[in-house]
């Protein structure tokens, strides 16, 4: 029987080996971040945020010093751009449709925004994007597809990454 968590653990272990740079190259830094209902407009969605909150998140993104950040629970590229400066990062997000906007549990008047996955890739790091792994959504627009990229960083073997947020 296929066990997704076991497969993920194996993939992560293999990633640690694959990201070892060739002689004389800096390591390729990869991170993951659940952005917890990141919306374009901080007044929308299940997690209210101010402009100051987005600024704190943007500083944290820079402190990661990651070359590639897989993210989840992001409404759109525009929302991701509030944290990942488009002058420094290339942003890709799953292309599936937005699902229903359910009420946020215990938050009167607030509704869930689109909860997509994607990547922020530091400019200068090239990548190829494969089609989204839409089978993960099981045909349900309220579930998420996976975003599949292959990173081609100078001095490193190609590294295939999949951003997912499983329920």
Foldseek 3Di string as FASTA:
>chain_A
DDDVVVVVVVLVVVVVVQQPFDPPDDTAFEEEEEPDQQELAQVAADHRDDLVRLVVLLVVVVVSVHQKYKYKNYQDVNSVCSRDPPVFWDKDKADADFADFDAHPPDPPHTHHRIIIIMTGTPQWDKDWDHWQCVLCVPHNNAYTKTWMWIDHPRGDIDIDIRHDHD
